[in-house]
N, C-alpha and C. Protein backbone atom coordinates (compact mmCIF):
# COMPACT_ATOMS: atom_id res chain seq x y z
N MET A 1 33.57 30.98 68.23
CA MET A 1 34.18 29.75 68.71
C MET A 1 34.54 28.89 67.50
N PRO A 2 35.79 28.39 67.47
CA PRO A 2 36.18 27.56 66.33
C PRO A 2 35.42 26.23 66.33
N SER A 3 35.18 25.75 65.14
CA SER A 3 34.50 24.46 65.01
C SER A 3 35.49 23.33 65.27
N ILE A 4 34.98 22.16 65.54
CA ILE A 4 35.82 20.97 65.72
C ILE A 4 36.60 20.71 64.43
N PHE A 5 35.96 20.95 63.29
CA PHE A 5 36.65 20.74 62.02
C PHE A 5 37.86 21.67 61.91
N ARG A 6 37.67 22.94 62.22
CA ARG A 6 38.78 23.91 62.15
C ARG A 6 39.91 23.46 63.09
N SER A 7 39.56 23.07 64.30
CA SER A 7 40.57 22.61 65.25
C SER A 7 41.29 21.36 64.73
N THR A 8 40.55 20.48 64.08
CA THR A 8 41.14 19.25 63.56
C THR A 8 42.14 19.54 62.45
N ILE A 9 41.79 20.41 61.52
CA ILE A 9 42.75 20.69 60.45
C ILE A 9 43.97 21.42 61.00
N GLN A 10 43.75 22.28 62.00
CA GLN A 10 44.89 22.96 62.63
C GLN A 10 45.78 21.96 63.35
N LEU A 11 45.18 21.01 64.05
CA LEU A 11 45.95 19.97 64.73
C LEU A 11 46.78 19.17 63.73
N CYS A 12 46.24 18.98 62.54
CA CYS A 12 46.96 18.27 61.47
C CYS A 12 47.96 19.18 60.75
N GLY A 13 48.05 20.44 61.17
CA GLY A 13 49.02 21.36 60.59
C GLY A 13 48.60 21.97 59.27
N LEU A 14 47.32 21.87 58.94
CA LEU A 14 46.84 22.35 57.64
C LEU A 14 46.14 23.69 57.75
N SER A 15 46.44 24.57 56.81
CA SER A 15 45.65 25.78 56.64
C SER A 15 44.36 25.37 55.91
N GLN A 16 43.44 26.30 55.78
CA GLN A 16 42.22 25.98 55.02
C GLN A 16 42.56 25.66 53.57
N ARG A 17 43.50 26.38 52.99
CA ARG A 17 43.91 26.12 51.60
C ARG A 17 44.53 24.74 51.49
N GLN A 18 45.43 24.40 52.42
CA GLN A 18 46.08 23.09 52.39
C GLN A 18 45.07 21.97 52.61
N ALA A 19 44.10 22.20 53.49
CA ALA A 19 43.06 21.20 53.73
C ALA A 19 42.24 20.96 52.46
N ALA A 20 41.89 22.04 51.76
CA ALA A 20 41.13 21.89 50.53
C ALA A 20 41.91 21.07 49.50
N LEU A 21 43.20 21.34 49.38
CA LEU A 21 44.03 20.58 48.45
C LEU A 21 44.11 19.11 48.86
N TYR A 22 44.37 18.87 50.13
CA TYR A 22 44.51 17.49 50.62
C TYR A 22 43.20 16.72 50.47
N LEU A 23 42.10 17.36 50.80
CA LEU A 23 40.79 16.70 50.76
C LEU A 23 40.17 16.68 49.37
N ASP A 24 40.80 17.41 48.43
CA ASP A 24 40.31 17.50 47.06
C ASP A 24 38.89 18.06 47.01
N VAL A 25 38.72 19.16 47.74
CA VAL A 25 37.44 19.87 47.75
C VAL A 25 37.71 21.34 47.52
N SER A 26 36.66 22.11 47.36
CA SER A 26 36.83 23.54 47.13
C SER A 26 37.18 24.26 48.43
N PRO A 27 37.93 25.34 48.33
CA PRO A 27 38.19 26.15 49.53
C PRO A 27 36.90 26.63 50.18
N SER A 28 35.88 26.85 49.37
CA SER A 28 34.59 27.29 49.90
C SER A 28 33.98 26.23 50.82
N SER A 29 34.10 24.96 50.44
CA SER A 29 33.58 23.88 51.30
C SER A 29 34.31 23.87 52.64
N VAL A 30 35.63 23.98 52.59
CA VAL A 30 36.42 23.98 53.82
C VAL A 30 36.02 25.17 54.69
N ASP A 31 35.85 26.32 54.09
CA ASP A 31 35.44 27.51 54.83
C ASP A 31 34.10 27.29 55.53
N LYS A 32 33.15 26.70 54.83
CA LYS A 32 31.82 26.45 55.40
C LYS A 32 31.89 25.44 56.54
N TRP A 33 32.73 24.42 56.39
CA TRP A 33 32.90 23.44 57.47
C TRP A 33 33.57 24.09 58.68
N CYS A 34 34.54 24.97 58.41
CA CYS A 34 35.24 25.66 59.51
C CYS A 34 34.30 26.57 60.29
N ARG A 35 33.36 27.18 59.58
CA ARG A 35 32.41 28.09 60.24
C ARG A 35 31.20 27.36 60.79
N GLY A 36 31.11 26.06 60.54
CA GLY A 36 29.97 25.28 61.02
C GLY A 36 28.70 25.52 60.25
N VAL A 37 28.84 26.08 59.04
CA VAL A 37 27.66 26.37 58.21
C VAL A 37 27.12 25.10 57.56
N ARG A 38 28.00 24.19 57.23
CA ARG A 38 27.62 22.92 56.59
C ARG A 38 28.20 21.76 57.38
N PRO A 39 27.49 20.63 57.42
CA PRO A 39 28.05 19.46 58.10
C PRO A 39 29.23 18.89 57.29
N VAL A 40 30.20 18.35 58.00
CA VAL A 40 31.36 17.75 57.37
C VAL A 40 31.01 16.32 56.98
N PRO A 41 31.19 15.95 55.71
CA PRO A 41 30.89 14.58 55.29
C PRO A 41 31.76 13.55 56.02
N ASP A 42 31.19 12.37 56.24
CA ASP A 42 31.91 11.29 56.93
C ASP A 42 33.23 10.97 56.24
N GLY A 43 33.24 10.98 54.91
CA GLY A 43 34.46 10.66 54.17
C GLY A 43 35.60 11.62 54.46
N VAL A 44 35.25 12.88 54.72
CA VAL A 44 36.26 13.89 55.06
C VAL A 44 36.85 13.59 56.43
N TRP A 45 35.99 13.23 57.39
CA TRP A 45 36.49 12.86 58.72
C TRP A 45 37.42 11.65 58.62
N SER A 46 37.06 10.72 57.76
CA SER A 46 37.88 9.52 57.56
C SER A 46 39.26 9.88 57.03
N LEU A 47 39.30 10.78 56.04
CA LEU A 47 40.58 11.21 55.49
C LEU A 47 41.44 11.92 56.54
N LEU A 48 40.81 12.74 57.35
CA LEU A 48 41.55 13.45 58.40
C LEU A 48 42.03 12.50 59.48
N SER A 49 41.23 11.50 59.80
CA SER A 49 41.64 10.50 60.77
C SER A 49 42.85 9.71 60.26
N ASP A 50 42.80 9.34 58.99
CA ASP A 50 43.94 8.64 58.37
C ASP A 50 45.18 9.52 58.38
N LEU A 51 45.01 10.81 58.07
CA LEU A 51 46.14 11.73 58.07
C LEU A 51 46.73 11.82 59.48
N TRP A 52 45.88 11.93 60.50
CA TRP A 52 46.39 12.02 61.87
C TRP A 52 47.19 10.77 62.24
N GLN A 53 46.71 9.61 61.82
CA GLN A 53 47.45 8.37 62.10
C GLN A 53 48.82 8.40 61.42
N ARG A 54 48.89 8.93 60.21
CA ARG A 54 50.18 9.06 59.52
C ARG A 54 51.09 10.07 60.22
N ILE A 55 50.51 11.16 60.72
CA ILE A 55 51.28 12.15 61.47
C ILE A 55 51.86 11.51 62.73
N GLU A 56 51.04 10.77 63.46
CA GLU A 56 51.51 10.08 64.66
C GLU A 56 52.64 9.10 64.35
N ALA A 57 52.49 8.34 63.27
CA ALA A 57 53.52 7.36 62.89
C ALA A 57 54.82 8.07 62.53
N ALA A 58 54.72 9.15 61.77
CA ALA A 58 55.92 9.91 61.40
C ALA A 58 56.57 10.52 62.63
N ALA A 59 55.76 11.02 63.56
CA ALA A 59 56.29 11.61 64.79
C ALA A 59 56.98 10.56 65.65
N ASP A 60 56.38 9.39 65.77
CA ASP A 60 56.99 8.30 66.54
C ASP A 60 58.34 7.91 65.94
N PHE A 61 58.37 7.78 64.61
CA PHE A 61 59.62 7.42 63.93
C PHE A 61 60.68 8.50 64.16
N ALA A 62 60.30 9.75 63.99
CA ALA A 62 61.24 10.86 64.17
C ALA A 62 61.71 10.96 65.62
N ALA A 63 60.81 10.75 66.58
CA ALA A 63 61.19 10.81 68.00
C ALA A 63 62.20 9.71 68.31
N ASP A 64 61.98 8.52 67.79
CA ASP A 64 62.94 7.43 67.98
C ASP A 64 64.29 7.80 67.39
N HIS A 65 64.27 8.40 66.21
CA HIS A 65 65.51 8.81 65.56
C HIS A 65 66.24 9.87 66.40
N ILE A 66 65.50 10.82 66.93
CA ILE A 66 66.11 11.88 67.75
C ILE A 66 66.72 11.27 69.01
N GLU A 67 65.97 10.37 69.65
CA GLU A 67 66.46 9.76 70.88
C GLU A 67 67.72 8.94 70.63
N THR A 68 67.82 8.32 69.46
CA THR A 68 68.98 7.50 69.12
C THR A 68 70.16 8.33 68.66
N ASN A 69 69.90 9.34 67.83
CA ASN A 69 70.98 10.09 67.18
C ASN A 69 71.17 11.50 67.70
N GLY A 70 70.26 11.96 68.53
CA GLY A 70 70.35 13.34 69.00
C GLY A 70 69.79 14.30 67.97
N LEU A 71 69.73 15.56 68.34
CA LEU A 71 69.19 16.59 67.47
C LEU A 71 70.00 17.85 67.65
N ASP A 72 70.40 18.41 66.55
CA ASP A 72 71.10 19.69 66.58
C ASP A 72 70.13 20.73 67.14
N PRO A 73 70.51 21.43 68.22
CA PRO A 73 69.60 22.42 68.82
C PRO A 73 69.09 23.47 67.84
N ARG A 74 69.87 23.75 66.79
CA ARG A 74 69.41 24.73 65.80
C ARG A 74 68.20 24.22 65.03
N ALA A 75 68.01 22.90 65.00
CA ALA A 75 66.89 22.32 64.26
C ALA A 75 65.57 22.45 65.02
N LEU A 76 65.63 22.83 66.29
CA LEU A 76 64.40 22.94 67.07
C LEU A 76 63.43 23.97 66.49
N HIS A 77 63.95 24.91 65.73
CA HIS A 77 63.08 25.95 65.16
C HIS A 77 62.61 25.63 63.75
N ASN A 78 63.09 24.53 63.21
CA ASN A 78 62.72 24.19 61.83
C ASN A 78 62.84 22.69 61.64
N PHE A 79 61.94 21.95 62.27
CA PHE A 79 62.01 20.50 62.24
C PHE A 79 60.71 19.95 61.69
N ALA A 80 60.79 19.23 60.60
CA ALA A 80 59.61 18.58 60.02
C ALA A 80 59.88 17.09 60.01
N ALA A 81 58.84 16.30 60.14
CA ALA A 81 58.96 14.85 60.08
C ALA A 81 58.11 14.37 58.92
N ASP A 82 58.54 13.32 58.29
CA ASP A 82 57.81 12.77 57.15
C ASP A 82 57.69 11.27 57.32
N ASP A 83 56.71 10.69 56.67
CA ASP A 83 56.54 9.25 56.83
C ASP A 83 57.09 8.46 55.65
N GLY A 84 58.00 9.05 54.89
CA GLY A 84 58.74 8.29 53.89
C GLY A 84 58.09 8.14 52.54
N LEU A 85 57.64 6.93 52.24
CA LEU A 85 57.18 6.61 50.89
C LEU A 85 55.96 7.41 50.45
N ASP A 86 55.10 7.74 51.38
CA ASP A 86 53.88 8.49 51.08
C ASP A 86 53.97 9.82 51.83
N PRO A 87 54.63 10.82 51.24
CA PRO A 87 54.90 12.07 51.96
C PRO A 87 53.64 12.72 52.53
N LEU A 88 53.81 13.27 53.71
CA LEU A 88 52.72 14.02 54.34
C LEU A 88 52.48 15.30 53.55
N PRO A 89 51.24 15.79 53.54
CA PRO A 89 50.97 17.05 52.84
C PRO A 89 51.66 18.21 53.55
N GLU A 90 51.85 19.28 52.79
CA GLU A 90 52.46 20.48 53.34
C GLU A 90 51.72 20.90 54.61
N GLY A 91 52.45 21.19 55.63
CA GLY A 91 51.86 21.57 56.92
C GLY A 91 51.79 20.40 57.88
N ALA A 92 51.37 19.24 57.39
CA ALA A 92 51.27 18.06 58.25
C ALA A 92 52.65 17.56 58.65
N ASP A 93 53.65 17.77 57.78
CA ASP A 93 55.02 17.38 58.13
C ASP A 93 55.54 18.23 59.29
N ASP A 94 55.14 19.49 59.33
CA ASP A 94 55.52 20.35 60.46
C ASP A 94 54.81 19.91 61.74
N ALA A 95 53.54 19.52 61.62
CA ALA A 95 52.80 19.03 62.78
C ALA A 95 53.46 17.77 63.32
N ALA A 96 53.89 16.88 62.43
CA ALA A 96 54.57 15.65 62.86
C ALA A 96 55.90 15.98 63.53
N GLY A 97 56.62 16.96 62.99
CA GLY A 97 57.88 17.38 63.61
C GLY A 97 57.67 17.95 64.99
N ALA A 98 56.65 18.78 65.14
CA ALA A 98 56.35 19.37 66.45
C ALA A 98 55.96 18.28 67.45
N LEU A 99 55.16 17.33 67.00
CA LEU A 99 54.74 16.24 67.87
C LEU A 99 55.96 15.39 68.27
N ALA A 100 56.86 15.13 67.33
CA ALA A 100 58.07 14.37 67.64
C ALA A 100 58.89 15.09 68.72
N LEU A 101 59.06 16.39 68.57
CA LEU A 101 59.82 17.15 69.58
C LEU A 101 59.15 17.08 70.94
N MET A 102 57.83 17.20 70.97
CA MET A 102 57.11 17.14 72.25
C MET A 102 57.27 15.75 72.88
N LEU A 103 57.24 14.71 72.05
CA LEU A 103 57.43 13.35 72.58
C LEU A 103 58.81 13.19 73.21
N VAL A 104 59.83 13.71 72.51
CA VAL A 104 61.20 13.60 73.02
C VAL A 104 61.37 14.43 74.28
N LEU A 105 60.92 15.67 74.23
CA LEU A 105 61.07 16.55 75.38
C LEU A 105 60.27 16.06 76.58
N GLY A 106 59.13 15.44 76.32
CA GLY A 106 58.29 14.92 77.39
C GLY A 106 58.84 13.66 78.03
N SER A 107 59.74 12.98 77.33
CA SER A 107 60.29 11.74 77.89
C SER A 107 61.53 11.97 78.72
N ASP A 108 62.01 13.22 78.74
CA ASP A 108 63.22 13.53 79.53
C ASP A 108 62.94 13.58 81.01
C-alpha cells in the first residue's frame, strides 16, 4: 500500500528523484518516506503544502486563461501550467496543467 507521502508527491507531479531535488534531501530519504520506513519531518510536509498551494494557484490562473482564450485541442496532450516568477519544479507544472484542464472541463 502506498504511503501518504508517496501519494502526496505523486499528486504534486513529482517523481521520487524530483521530490528529492525539490526538498533538497537525498533520494534515500525520499525512498524511506515513500515506503513508510522513516517518519516524514514536519518541514517536508510544510514544503509540500506550499508547493500544492502554488500548483493550485497556477492551475486557477491557467484555467481562467483557457476559459477566456480557449485552448487548442492538440494541447490537451501536452499542457503544463506555471506560476510565473517562481517556476514550479519539473513535474509540478504538469500537475498544475492537468488540474487546470480538469477545472475547465468540470465547469462545462
